[in-house]
Amino acid sequence: MSQTAGKLAVQGVVWLRTVLDSCVISVPLDLHHQQVRPRETGGRFCILGAAMTARNEYHHLYNLSAWRRALRPQHLAREPLCRACLRRGIVNDGSLTSSGERQANARRRFLVVDHLIPHRGDRALFLDTGNLQTLCPDDHDQNKQRFEARGYSEERGEDGWPLDPEHPANQ
């Protein structure tokens, strides 16, 4: 795991000090606001500075007029509540957390139009109306990301047992 230890300015260059598996390394921090972040490559971690992240490679799709002016607003009009919260019995229009409590952070009071199957830059999959779901920020940023990384859901039934057949406890 990597942890940011701090930024250091030397001779006009900003360096990012990172602790990486008990080794301290320093890399130049790009001055054009591109992030230097650890990225998993073949089981090892490496620091990539100027290289584009996967997000940057397809993020331009979210600026398409077809997405901003048509697809996203139409989907929110059809499905104005978080789908994952509804499965848990919570009616969430974006003003609540995934646990049903009032969202304290005003910047997180919105709904996300999420792609069921990650599009990874595939324009046809990105614009496919059948590939969309509405989620609250908590479900999108935490639960969905965890699901994509692990390959199974942590969602549990009333008895506390995992609902997803792919969960290791159900194998």
N, C-alpha and C. Protein backbone atom coordinates (compact mmCIF):
# COMPACT_ATOMS: atom_id res chain seq x y z
N MET A 1 0.84 -1.18 0.00
CA MET A 1 0.00 0.00 0.00
C MET A 1 0.88 1.24 0.00
N SER A 2 0.36 2.30 -0.57
CA SER A 2 1.13 3.53 -0.59
C SER A 2 0.42 4.59 0.23
N GLN A 3 1.20 5.46 0.81
CA GLN A 3 0.66 6.56 1.58
C GLN A 3 1.42 7.81 1.18
N THR A 4 0.72 8.92 1.05
CA THR A 4 1.39 10.17 0.74
C THR A 4 2.03 10.69 2.02
N ALA A 5 3.32 10.94 1.97
CA ALA A 5 4.02 11.44 3.13
C ALA A 5 4.09 12.96 3.12
N GLY A 6 3.94 13.58 1.96
CA GLY A 6 3.94 15.03 1.90
C GLY A 6 4.55 15.55 0.61
N LYS A 7 4.41 16.86 0.41
CA LYS A 7 4.97 17.51 -0.77
C LYS A 7 6.20 18.29 -0.36
N LEU A 8 7.15 18.39 -1.24
CA LEU A 8 8.41 19.04 -0.96
C LEU A 8 8.80 19.84 -2.19
N ALA A 9 9.15 21.12 -2.03
CA ALA A 9 9.58 21.95 -3.16
C ALA A 9 11.10 22.06 -3.13
N VAL A 10 11.75 21.64 -4.21
CA VAL A 10 13.20 21.73 -4.33
C VAL A 10 13.52 22.33 -5.68
N GLN A 11 14.24 23.44 -5.70
CA GLN A 11 14.64 24.12 -6.93
C GLN A 11 13.45 24.36 -7.86
N GLY A 12 12.33 24.80 -7.32
CA GLY A 12 11.18 25.15 -8.14
C GLY A 12 10.35 23.98 -8.62
N VAL A 13 10.74 22.74 -8.31
CA VAL A 13 9.97 21.56 -8.71
C VAL A 13 9.30 21.00 -7.46
N VAL A 14 8.01 20.73 -7.58
CA VAL A 14 7.29 20.15 -6.46
C VAL A 14 7.42 18.64 -6.54
N TRP A 15 7.85 18.04 -5.45
CA TRP A 15 8.04 16.59 -5.40
C TRP A 15 7.01 16.00 -4.47
N LEU A 16 6.53 14.85 -4.78
CA LEU A 16 5.59 14.13 -3.94
C LEU A 16 6.34 12.98 -3.30
N ARG A 17 6.43 13.01 -1.97
CA ARG A 17 7.10 11.93 -1.25
C ARG A 17 6.07 10.87 -0.93
N THR A 18 6.36 9.63 -1.25
CA THR A 18 5.42 8.54 -1.07
C THR A 18 6.10 7.39 -0.36
N VAL A 19 5.40 6.81 0.60
CA VAL A 19 5.88 5.61 1.28
C VAL A 19 5.28 4.42 0.54
N LEU A 20 6.11 3.55 0.00
CA LEU A 20 5.64 2.46 -0.82
C LEU A 20 6.28 1.16 -0.32
N ASP A 21 5.48 0.33 0.34
CA ASP A 21 5.99 -0.93 0.89
C ASP A 21 7.27 -0.72 1.69
N SER A 22 7.23 0.20 2.61
CA SER A 22 8.32 0.55 3.53
C SER A 22 9.54 1.16 2.84
N CYS A 23 9.44 1.54 1.57
CA CYS A 23 10.50 2.27 0.89
C CYS A 23 10.00 3.68 0.61
N VAL A 24 10.78 4.67 0.89
CA VAL A 24 10.38 6.05 0.62
C VAL A 24 10.92 6.43 -0.74
N ILE A 25 10.02 6.87 -1.62
CA ILE A 25 10.46 7.33 -2.94
C ILE A 25 9.93 8.73 -3.17
N SER A 26 10.58 9.48 -4.02
CA SER A 26 10.13 10.82 -4.36
C SER A 26 10.00 10.91 -5.86
N VAL A 27 8.89 11.48 -6.32
CA VAL A 27 8.68 11.65 -7.75
C VAL A 27 8.22 13.08 -7.98
N PRO A 28 8.54 13.68 -9.16
CA PRO A 28 8.07 15.03 -9.42
C PRO A 28 6.56 15.06 -9.57
N LEU A 29 5.93 16.04 -8.97
CA LEU A 29 4.49 16.23 -9.09
C LEU A 29 4.25 17.14 -10.28
N ASP A 30 3.48 16.66 -11.23
CA ASP A 30 3.21 17.42 -12.44
C ASP A 30 2.57 18.76 -12.07
N LEU A 31 3.09 19.84 -12.59
CA LEU A 31 2.61 21.17 -12.24
C LEU A 31 1.35 21.57 -12.98
N HIS A 32 0.88 20.72 -13.90
CA HIS A 32 -0.32 21.03 -14.67
C HIS A 32 -1.53 20.32 -14.09
N HIS A 33 -1.54 20.08 -12.80
CA HIS A 33 -2.66 19.52 -12.05
C HIS A 33 -3.02 18.10 -12.47
N GLN A 34 -2.14 17.39 -13.16
CA GLN A 34 -2.39 15.97 -13.38
C GLN A 34 -1.95 15.26 -12.12
N GLN A 35 -2.71 14.28 -11.73
CA GLN A 35 -2.43 13.61 -10.47
C GLN A 35 -1.33 12.57 -10.65
N VAL A 36 -0.48 12.47 -9.64
CA VAL A 36 0.47 11.38 -9.56
C VAL A 36 -0.13 10.41 -8.57
N ARG A 37 -0.48 9.24 -9.01
CA ARG A 37 -1.15 8.30 -8.12
C ARG A 37 -0.64 6.90 -8.35
N PRO A 38 -0.69 6.06 -7.29
CA PRO A 38 -0.28 4.67 -7.49
C PRO A 38 -1.28 3.96 -8.39
N ARG A 39 -0.78 3.12 -9.26
CA ARG A 39 -1.65 2.35 -10.13
C ARG A 39 -1.15 0.92 -10.14
N GLU A 40 -2.06 -0.01 -9.97
CA GLU A 40 -1.66 -1.40 -9.88
C GLU A 40 -1.25 -1.90 -11.25
N THR A 41 -0.09 -2.51 -11.34
CA THR A 41 0.40 -3.08 -12.59
C THR A 41 1.02 -4.43 -12.29
N GLY A 42 0.32 -5.46 -12.64
CA GLY A 42 0.86 -6.81 -12.48
C GLY A 42 1.16 -7.19 -11.04
N GLY A 43 0.35 -6.74 -10.09
CA GLY A 43 0.58 -7.12 -8.71
C GLY A 43 1.53 -6.20 -7.97
N ARG A 44 2.23 -5.31 -8.70
CA ARG A 44 3.13 -4.35 -8.07
C ARG A 44 2.52 -2.97 -8.21
N PHE A 45 2.97 -2.05 -7.40
CA PHE A 45 2.51 -0.67 -7.52
C PHE A 45 3.62 0.16 -8.13
N CYS A 46 3.24 1.07 -9.02
CA CYS A 46 4.22 1.99 -9.55
C CYS A 46 3.59 3.37 -9.59
N ILE A 47 4.39 4.39 -9.63
CA ILE A 47 3.91 5.75 -9.68
C ILE A 47 3.93 6.21 -11.12
N LEU A 48 2.79 6.67 -11.61
CA LEU A 48 2.70 7.18 -12.96
C LEU A 48 2.39 8.66 -12.88
N GLY A 49 3.25 9.50 -13.40
CA GLY A 49 3.05 10.93 -13.32
C GLY A 49 2.32 11.49 -14.50
N ALA A 50 3.00 11.65 -15.62
CA ALA A 50 2.41 12.32 -16.77
C ALA A 50 1.52 11.41 -17.59
N ALA A 51 1.60 10.10 -17.37
CA ALA A 51 0.77 9.18 -18.14
C ALA A 51 -0.70 9.40 -17.81
N MET A 52 -1.54 9.24 -18.82
CA MET A 52 -2.97 9.43 -18.60
C MET A 52 -3.54 8.26 -17.83
N THR A 53 -4.43 8.55 -16.92
CA THR A 53 -5.11 7.48 -16.22
C THR A 53 -6.25 7.00 -17.10
N ALA A 54 -6.78 5.83 -16.79
CA ALA A 54 -7.88 5.27 -17.59
C ALA A 54 -9.07 6.22 -17.59
N ARG A 55 -9.33 6.88 -16.47
CA ARG A 55 -10.46 7.79 -16.37
C ARG A 55 -10.32 8.91 -17.40
N ASN A 56 -9.14 9.46 -17.54
CA ASN A 56 -8.93 10.55 -18.48
C ASN A 56 -9.11 10.11 -19.92
N GLU A 57 -8.88 8.85 -20.20
CA GLU A 57 -8.97 8.36 -21.57
C GLU A 57 -10.40 8.36 -22.09
N TYR A 58 -11.37 8.22 -21.23
CA TYR A 58 -12.76 8.19 -21.69
C TYR A 58 -13.65 9.23 -21.04
N HIS A 59 -13.12 10.08 -20.19
CA HIS A 59 -13.94 11.06 -19.49
C HIS A 59 -14.60 12.06 -20.44
N HIS A 60 -14.05 12.25 -21.62
CA HIS A 60 -14.63 13.17 -22.60
C HIS A 60 -16.05 12.77 -23.00
N LEU A 61 -16.40 11.51 -22.85
CA LEU A 61 -17.74 11.06 -23.20
C LEU A 61 -18.81 11.75 -22.35
N TYR A 62 -18.46 12.11 -21.11
CA TYR A 62 -19.42 12.76 -20.23
C TYR A 62 -19.70 14.20 -20.65
N ASN A 63 -18.93 14.74 -21.57
CA ASN A 63 -19.15 16.09 -22.09
C ASN A 63 -19.96 16.08 -23.38
N LEU A 64 -20.31 14.91 -23.88
CA LEU A 64 -21.10 14.84 -25.11
C LEU A 64 -22.48 15.46 -24.88
N SER A 65 -22.95 16.17 -25.87
CA SER A 65 -24.28 16.78 -25.80
C SER A 65 -25.35 15.70 -25.63
N ALA A 66 -25.17 14.57 -26.30
CA ALA A 66 -26.13 13.48 -26.20
C ALA A 66 -26.26 12.99 -24.75
N TRP A 67 -25.18 13.05 -23.98
CA TRP A 67 -25.22 12.63 -22.58
C TRP A 67 -25.79 13.73 -21.69
N ARG A 68 -25.23 14.94 -21.79
CA ARG A 68 -25.60 16.03 -20.89
C ARG A 68 -27.02 16.53 -21.11
N ARG A 69 -27.45 16.64 -22.38
CA ARG A 69 -28.73 17.27 -22.68
C ARG A 69 -29.87 16.29 -22.92
N ALA A 70 -29.54 15.04 -23.17
CA ALA A 70 -30.61 14.09 -23.50
C ALA A 70 -30.60 12.87 -22.58
N LEU A 71 -29.60 12.03 -22.72
CA LEU A 71 -29.60 10.73 -22.06
C LEU A 71 -29.69 10.82 -20.54
N ARG A 72 -28.82 11.60 -19.91
CA ARG A 72 -28.79 11.70 -18.45
C ARG A 72 -30.09 12.30 -17.90
N PRO A 73 -30.55 13.47 -18.39
CA PRO A 73 -31.80 14.03 -17.85
C PRO A 73 -33.02 13.13 -18.10
N GLN A 74 -33.08 12.48 -19.25
CA GLN A 74 -34.20 11.59 -19.54
C GLN A 74 -34.21 10.40 -18.59
N HIS A 75 -33.03 9.86 -18.32
CA HIS A 75 -32.96 8.73 -17.40
C HIS A 75 -33.39 9.14 -15.99
N LEU A 76 -32.91 10.31 -15.53
CA LEU A 76 -33.30 10.77 -14.19
C LEU A 76 -34.80 11.06 -14.10
N ALA A 77 -35.42 11.48 -15.20
CA ALA A 77 -36.86 11.69 -15.20
C ALA A 77 -37.61 10.35 -15.10
N ARG A 78 -37.06 9.30 -15.76
CA ARG A 78 -37.68 7.96 -15.70
C ARG A 78 -37.42 7.27 -14.37
N GLU A 79 -36.24 7.46 -13.81
CA GLU A 79 -35.84 6.76 -12.58
C GLU A 79 -35.26 7.78 -11.59
N PRO A 80 -36.12 8.50 -10.86
CA PRO A 80 -35.64 9.59 -9.99
C PRO A 80 -35.20 9.17 -8.59
N LEU A 81 -35.10 7.88 -8.33
CA LEU A 81 -34.70 7.39 -7.01
C LEU A 81 -33.53 6.41 -7.15
N CYS A 82 -32.72 6.33 -6.09
CA CYS A 82 -31.58 5.42 -6.08
C CYS A 82 -32.08 3.97 -6.12
N ARG A 83 -31.63 3.24 -7.11
CA ARG A 83 -32.06 1.85 -7.30
C ARG A 83 -31.58 0.95 -6.16
N ALA A 84 -30.34 1.14 -5.72
CA ALA A 84 -29.79 0.30 -4.65
C ALA A 84 -30.50 0.57 -3.32
N CYS A 85 -30.81 1.83 -3.05
CA CYS A 85 -31.53 2.16 -1.82
C CYS A 85 -32.94 1.56 -1.84
N LEU A 86 -33.60 1.60 -2.99
CA LEU A 86 -34.94 1.01 -3.11
C LEU A 86 -34.91 -0.48 -2.79
N ARG A 87 -33.85 -1.19 -3.21
CA ARG A 87 -33.73 -2.62 -2.89
C ARG A 87 -33.65 -2.85 -1.39
N ARG A 88 -33.10 -1.85 -0.67
CA ARG A 88 -33.00 -1.95 0.80
C ARG A 88 -34.23 -1.37 1.49
N GLY A 89 -35.21 -0.89 0.73
CA GLY A 89 -36.43 -0.33 1.32
C GLY A 89 -36.32 1.13 1.69
N ILE A 90 -35.33 1.85 1.15
CA ILE A 90 -35.13 3.27 1.43
C ILE A 90 -35.50 4.07 0.19
N VAL A 91 -36.38 5.05 0.34
CA VAL A 91 -36.75 5.92 -0.78
C VAL A 91 -35.80 7.11 -0.74
N ASN A 92 -34.82 7.11 -1.66
CA ASN A 92 -33.75 8.11 -1.65
C ASN A 92 -33.75 8.88 -2.96
N ASP A 93 -34.05 10.16 -2.88
CA ASP A 93 -34.02 11.03 -4.05
C ASP A 93 -32.68 11.77 -4.17
N GLY A 94 -31.69 11.32 -3.44
CA GLY A 94 -30.38 11.94 -3.43
C GLY A 94 -30.12 12.76 -2.19
N SER A 95 -31.13 12.96 -1.36
CA SER A 95 -30.98 13.77 -0.16
C SER A 95 -30.56 12.94 1.06
N LEU A 96 -30.47 11.62 0.89
CA LEU A 96 -30.12 10.73 2.00
C LEU A 96 -28.82 9.99 1.71
N THR A 97 -28.22 9.42 2.74
CA THR A 97 -27.07 8.55 2.56
C THR A 97 -27.60 7.16 2.22
N SER A 98 -26.72 6.24 1.91
CA SER A 98 -27.16 4.89 1.56
C SER A 98 -27.75 4.15 2.77
N SER A 99 -27.50 4.65 3.97
CA SER A 99 -28.08 4.03 5.17
C SER A 99 -29.43 4.64 5.53
N GLY A 100 -29.88 5.67 4.78
CA GLY A 100 -31.19 6.27 5.01
C GLY A 100 -31.17 7.51 5.86
N GLU A 101 -30.00 7.92 6.33
CA GLU A 101 -29.89 9.14 7.14
C GLU A 101 -29.79 10.35 6.21
N ARG A 102 -30.14 11.52 6.73
CA ARG A 102 -30.06 12.74 5.94
C ARG A 102 -28.60 13.00 5.56
N GLN A 103 -28.38 13.33 4.30
CA GLN A 103 -27.02 13.60 3.80
C GLN A 103 -26.57 14.95 4.36
N ALA A 104 -25.56 14.94 5.23
CA ALA A 104 -25.09 16.16 5.88
C ALA A 104 -24.32 17.06 4.91
N ASN A 105 -23.61 16.46 3.97
CA ASN A 105 -22.81 17.22 3.03
C ASN A 105 -23.68 17.66 1.85
N ALA A 106 -23.94 18.95 1.74
CA ALA A 106 -24.81 19.47 0.68
C ALA A 106 -24.27 19.16 -0.71
N ARG A 107 -22.97 19.02 -0.84
CA ARG A 107 -22.37 18.72 -2.14
C ARG A 107 -22.63 17.29 -2.60
N ARG A 108 -23.10 16.45 -1.70
CA ARG A 108 -23.39 15.05 -2.05
C ARG A 108 -24.89 14.77 -2.13
N ARG A 109 -25.69 15.83 -2.23
CA ARG A 109 -27.15 15.67 -2.37
C ARG A 109 -27.52 15.72 -3.84
N PHE A 110 -27.31 14.63 -4.52
CA PHE A 110 -27.63 14.52 -5.94
C PHE A 110 -27.74 13.04 -6.28
N LEU A 111 -28.10 12.75 -7.50
CA LEU A 111 -28.16 11.37 -7.98
C LEU A 111 -27.17 11.19 -9.11
N VAL A 112 -26.63 10.00 -9.21
CA VAL A 112 -25.65 9.65 -10.24
C VAL A 112 -26.32 8.71 -11.24
N VAL A 113 -26.14 8.99 -12.52
CA VAL A 113 -26.57 8.04 -13.54
C VAL A 113 -25.36 7.16 -13.81
N ASP A 114 -25.47 5.91 -13.43
CA ASP A 114 -24.35 4.96 -13.46
C ASP A 114 -24.56 3.95 -14.58
N HIS A 115 -23.45 3.45 -15.10
CA HIS A 115 -23.49 2.39 -16.12
C HIS A 115 -23.41 1.04 -15.43
N LEU A 116 -24.40 0.19 -15.67
CA LEU A 116 -24.42 -1.15 -15.07
C LEU A 116 -23.18 -1.93 -15.46
N ILE A 117 -22.88 -1.95 -16.75
CA ILE A 117 -21.66 -2.58 -17.26
C ILE A 117 -20.67 -1.45 -17.53
N PRO A 118 -19.51 -1.43 -16.87
CA PRO A 118 -18.55 -0.35 -17.10
C PRO A 118 -18.21 -0.23 -18.59
N HIS A 119 -18.32 0.98 -19.14
CA HIS A 119 -18.15 1.16 -20.59
C HIS A 119 -16.69 1.22 -21.00
N ARG A 120 -15.78 1.64 -20.14
CA ARG A 120 -14.34 1.71 -20.42
C ARG A 120 -14.05 2.37 -21.77
N GLY A 121 -14.83 3.39 -22.11
CA GLY A 121 -14.59 4.15 -23.34
C GLY A 121 -15.37 3.68 -24.55
N ASP A 122 -16.11 2.59 -24.44
CA ASP A 122 -16.91 2.10 -25.55
C ASP A 122 -18.13 3.01 -25.71
N ARG A 123 -18.14 3.82 -26.78
CA ARG A 123 -19.17 4.82 -26.98
C ARG A 123 -20.58 4.21 -27.08
N ALA A 124 -20.71 3.08 -27.78
CA ALA A 124 -22.02 2.44 -27.92
C ALA A 124 -22.56 1.99 -26.57
N LEU A 125 -21.71 1.40 -25.73
CA LEU A 125 -22.11 0.96 -24.40
C LEU A 125 -22.40 2.16 -23.51
N PHE A 126 -21.63 3.22 -23.68
CA PHE A 126 -21.82 4.45 -22.92
C PHE A 126 -23.20 5.06 -23.17
N LEU A 127 -23.65 5.05 -24.43
CA LEU A 127 -24.91 5.67 -24.81
C LEU A 127 -26.10 4.71 -24.78
N ASP A 128 -25.89 3.46 -24.38
CA ASP A 128 -26.95 2.46 -24.33
C ASP A 128 -27.88 2.75 -23.15
N THR A 129 -29.15 3.07 -23.44
CA THR A 129 -30.10 3.41 -22.37
C THR A 129 -30.41 2.23 -21.46
N GLY A 130 -30.25 1.02 -21.95
CA GLY A 130 -30.50 -0.16 -21.13
C GLY A 130 -29.37 -0.47 -20.17
N ASN A 131 -28.28 0.28 -20.26
CA ASN A 131 -27.10 0.05 -19.42
C ASN A 131 -27.01 1.08 -18.30
N LEU A 132 -28.11 1.75 -17.98
CA LEU A 132 -28.06 2.83 -17.00
C LEU A 132 -28.88 2.49 -15.76
N GLN A 133 -28.43 3.01 -14.62
CA GLN A 133 -29.18 2.92 -13.38
C GLN A 133 -28.92 4.20 -12.59
N THR A 134 -29.85 4.55 -11.73
CA THR A 134 -29.69 5.72 -10.87
C THR A 134 -29.20 5.26 -9.51
N LEU A 135 -28.16 5.93 -9.01
CA LEU A 135 -27.61 5.62 -7.69
C LEU A 135 -27.38 6.90 -6.91
N CYS A 136 -27.42 6.81 -5.58
CA CYS A 136 -27.00 7.93 -4.74
C CYS A 136 -25.47 7.93 -4.72
N PRO A 137 -24.84 9.05 -4.35
CA PRO A 137 -23.38 9.10 -4.34
C PRO A 137 -22.72 8.03 -3.47
N ASP A 138 -23.33 7.70 -2.33
CA ASP A 138 -22.75 6.66 -1.46
C ASP A 138 -22.71 5.31 -2.16
N ASP A 139 -23.82 4.92 -2.77
CA ASP A 139 -23.85 3.63 -3.46
C ASP A 139 -22.93 3.62 -4.66
N HIS A 140 -22.83 4.73 -5.36
CA HIS A 140 -21.96 4.79 -6.53
C HIS A 140 -20.49 4.81 -6.14
N ASP A 141 -20.13 5.69 -5.21
CA ASP A 141 -18.71 5.90 -4.89
C ASP A 141 -18.13 4.85 -3.97
N GLN A 142 -18.96 4.16 -3.22
CA GLN A 142 -18.43 3.17 -2.28
C GLN A 142 -18.84 1.76 -2.66
N ASN A 143 -20.12 1.48 -2.63
CA ASN A 143 -20.59 0.11 -2.83
C ASN A 143 -20.35 -0.39 -4.25
N LYS A 144 -20.65 0.42 -5.26
CA LYS A 144 -20.46 -0.01 -6.65
C LYS A 144 -18.97 -0.17 -6.97
N GLN A 145 -18.14 0.74 -6.49
CA GLN A 145 -16.69 0.65 -6.73
C GLN A 145 -16.13 -0.61 -6.07
N ARG A 146 -16.61 -0.91 -4.87
CA ARG A 146 -16.16 -2.12 -4.16
C ARG A 146 -16.59 -3.36 -4.93
N PHE A 147 -17.82 -3.34 -5.45
CA PHE A 147 -18.33 -4.47 -6.24
C PHE A 147 -17.48 -4.69 -7.49
N GLU A 148 -17.15 -3.60 -8.20
CA GLU A 148 -16.34 -3.73 -9.41
C GLU A 148 -14.93 -4.23 -9.11
N ALA A 149 -14.38 -3.82 -7.98
CA ALA A 149 -13.02 -4.25 -7.62
C ALA A 149 -12.99 -5.71 -7.17
N ARG A 150 -14.00 -6.16 -6.41
CA ARG A 150 -14.00 -7.51 -5.84
C ARG A 150 -14.69 -8.54 -6.72
N GLY A 151 -15.69 -8.09 -7.48
CA GLY A 151 -16.43 -9.02 -8.31
C GLY A 151 -17.66 -9.59 -7.63
N TYR A 152 -17.97 -9.13 -6.44
CA TYR A 152 -19.17 -9.58 -5.74
C TYR A 152 -19.66 -8.45 -4.83
N SER A 153 -20.92 -8.52 -4.46
CA SER A 153 -21.55 -7.51 -3.61
C SER A 153 -21.43 -7.90 -2.14
N GLU A 154 -21.31 -6.90 -1.30
CA GLU A 154 -21.28 -7.11 0.16
C GLU A 154 -22.68 -6.98 0.76
N GLU A 155 -23.69 -6.74 -0.08
CA GLU A 155 -25.05 -6.54 0.41
C GLU A 155 -25.54 -7.79 1.13
N ARG A 156 -26.21 -7.58 2.27
CA ARG A 156 -26.64 -8.69 3.10
C ARG A 156 -28.15 -8.65 3.33
N GLY A 157 -28.72 -9.82 3.51
CA GLY A 157 -30.15 -9.94 3.79
C GLY A 157 -30.45 -9.66 5.24
N GLU A 158 -31.71 -9.80 5.61
CA GLU A 158 -32.13 -9.55 6.99
C GLU A 158 -31.47 -10.50 7.97
N ASP A 159 -31.10 -11.70 7.50
CA ASP A 159 -30.44 -12.68 8.36
C ASP A 159 -28.93 -12.43 8.48
N GLY A 160 -28.43 -11.41 7.76
CA GLY A 160 -27.00 -11.09 7.83
C GLY A 160 -26.15 -11.86 6.83
N TRP A 161 -26.75 -12.76 6.07
CA TRP A 161 -26.01 -13.57 5.10
C TRP A 161 -25.91 -12.81 3.77
N PRO A 162 -24.76 -12.91 3.07
CA PRO A 162 -24.59 -12.21 1.80
C PRO A 162 -25.63 -12.65 0.76
N LEU A 163 -26.19 -11.68 0.03
CA LEU A 163 -27.21 -11.96 -0.98
C LEU A 163 -26.62 -12.40 -2.31
N ASP A 164 -25.42 -11.93 -2.61
CA ASP A 164 -24.80 -12.21 -3.91
C ASP A 164 -24.30 -13.66 -3.96
N PRO A 165 -24.75 -14.45 -4.97
CA PRO A 165 -24.28 -15.83 -5.09
C PRO A 165 -22.77 -15.92 -5.36
N GLU A 166 -22.18 -14.85 -5.85
CA GLU A 166 -20.73 -14.84 -6.13
C GLU A 166 -19.89 -14.53 -4.89
N HIS A 167 -20.53 -14.15 -3.78
CA HIS A 167 -19.81 -13.85 -2.55
C HIS A 167 -19.11 -15.12 -2.07
N PRO A 168 -17.86 -15.01 -1.58
CA PRO A 168 -17.12 -16.20 -1.12
C PRO A 168 -17.87 -17.03 -0.08
N ALA A 169 -18.69 -16.41 0.73
CA ALA A 169 -19.43 -17.16 1.75
C ALA A 169 -20.48 -18.06 1.13
N ASN A 170 -20.87 -17.77 -0.10
CA ASN A 170 -21.90 -18.58 -0.79
C ASN A 170 -21.28 -19.60 -1.75
N GLN A 171 -19.99 -19.75 -1.73
CA GLN A 171 -19.33 -20.69 -2.64
C GLN A 171 -19.25 -22.07 -2.06
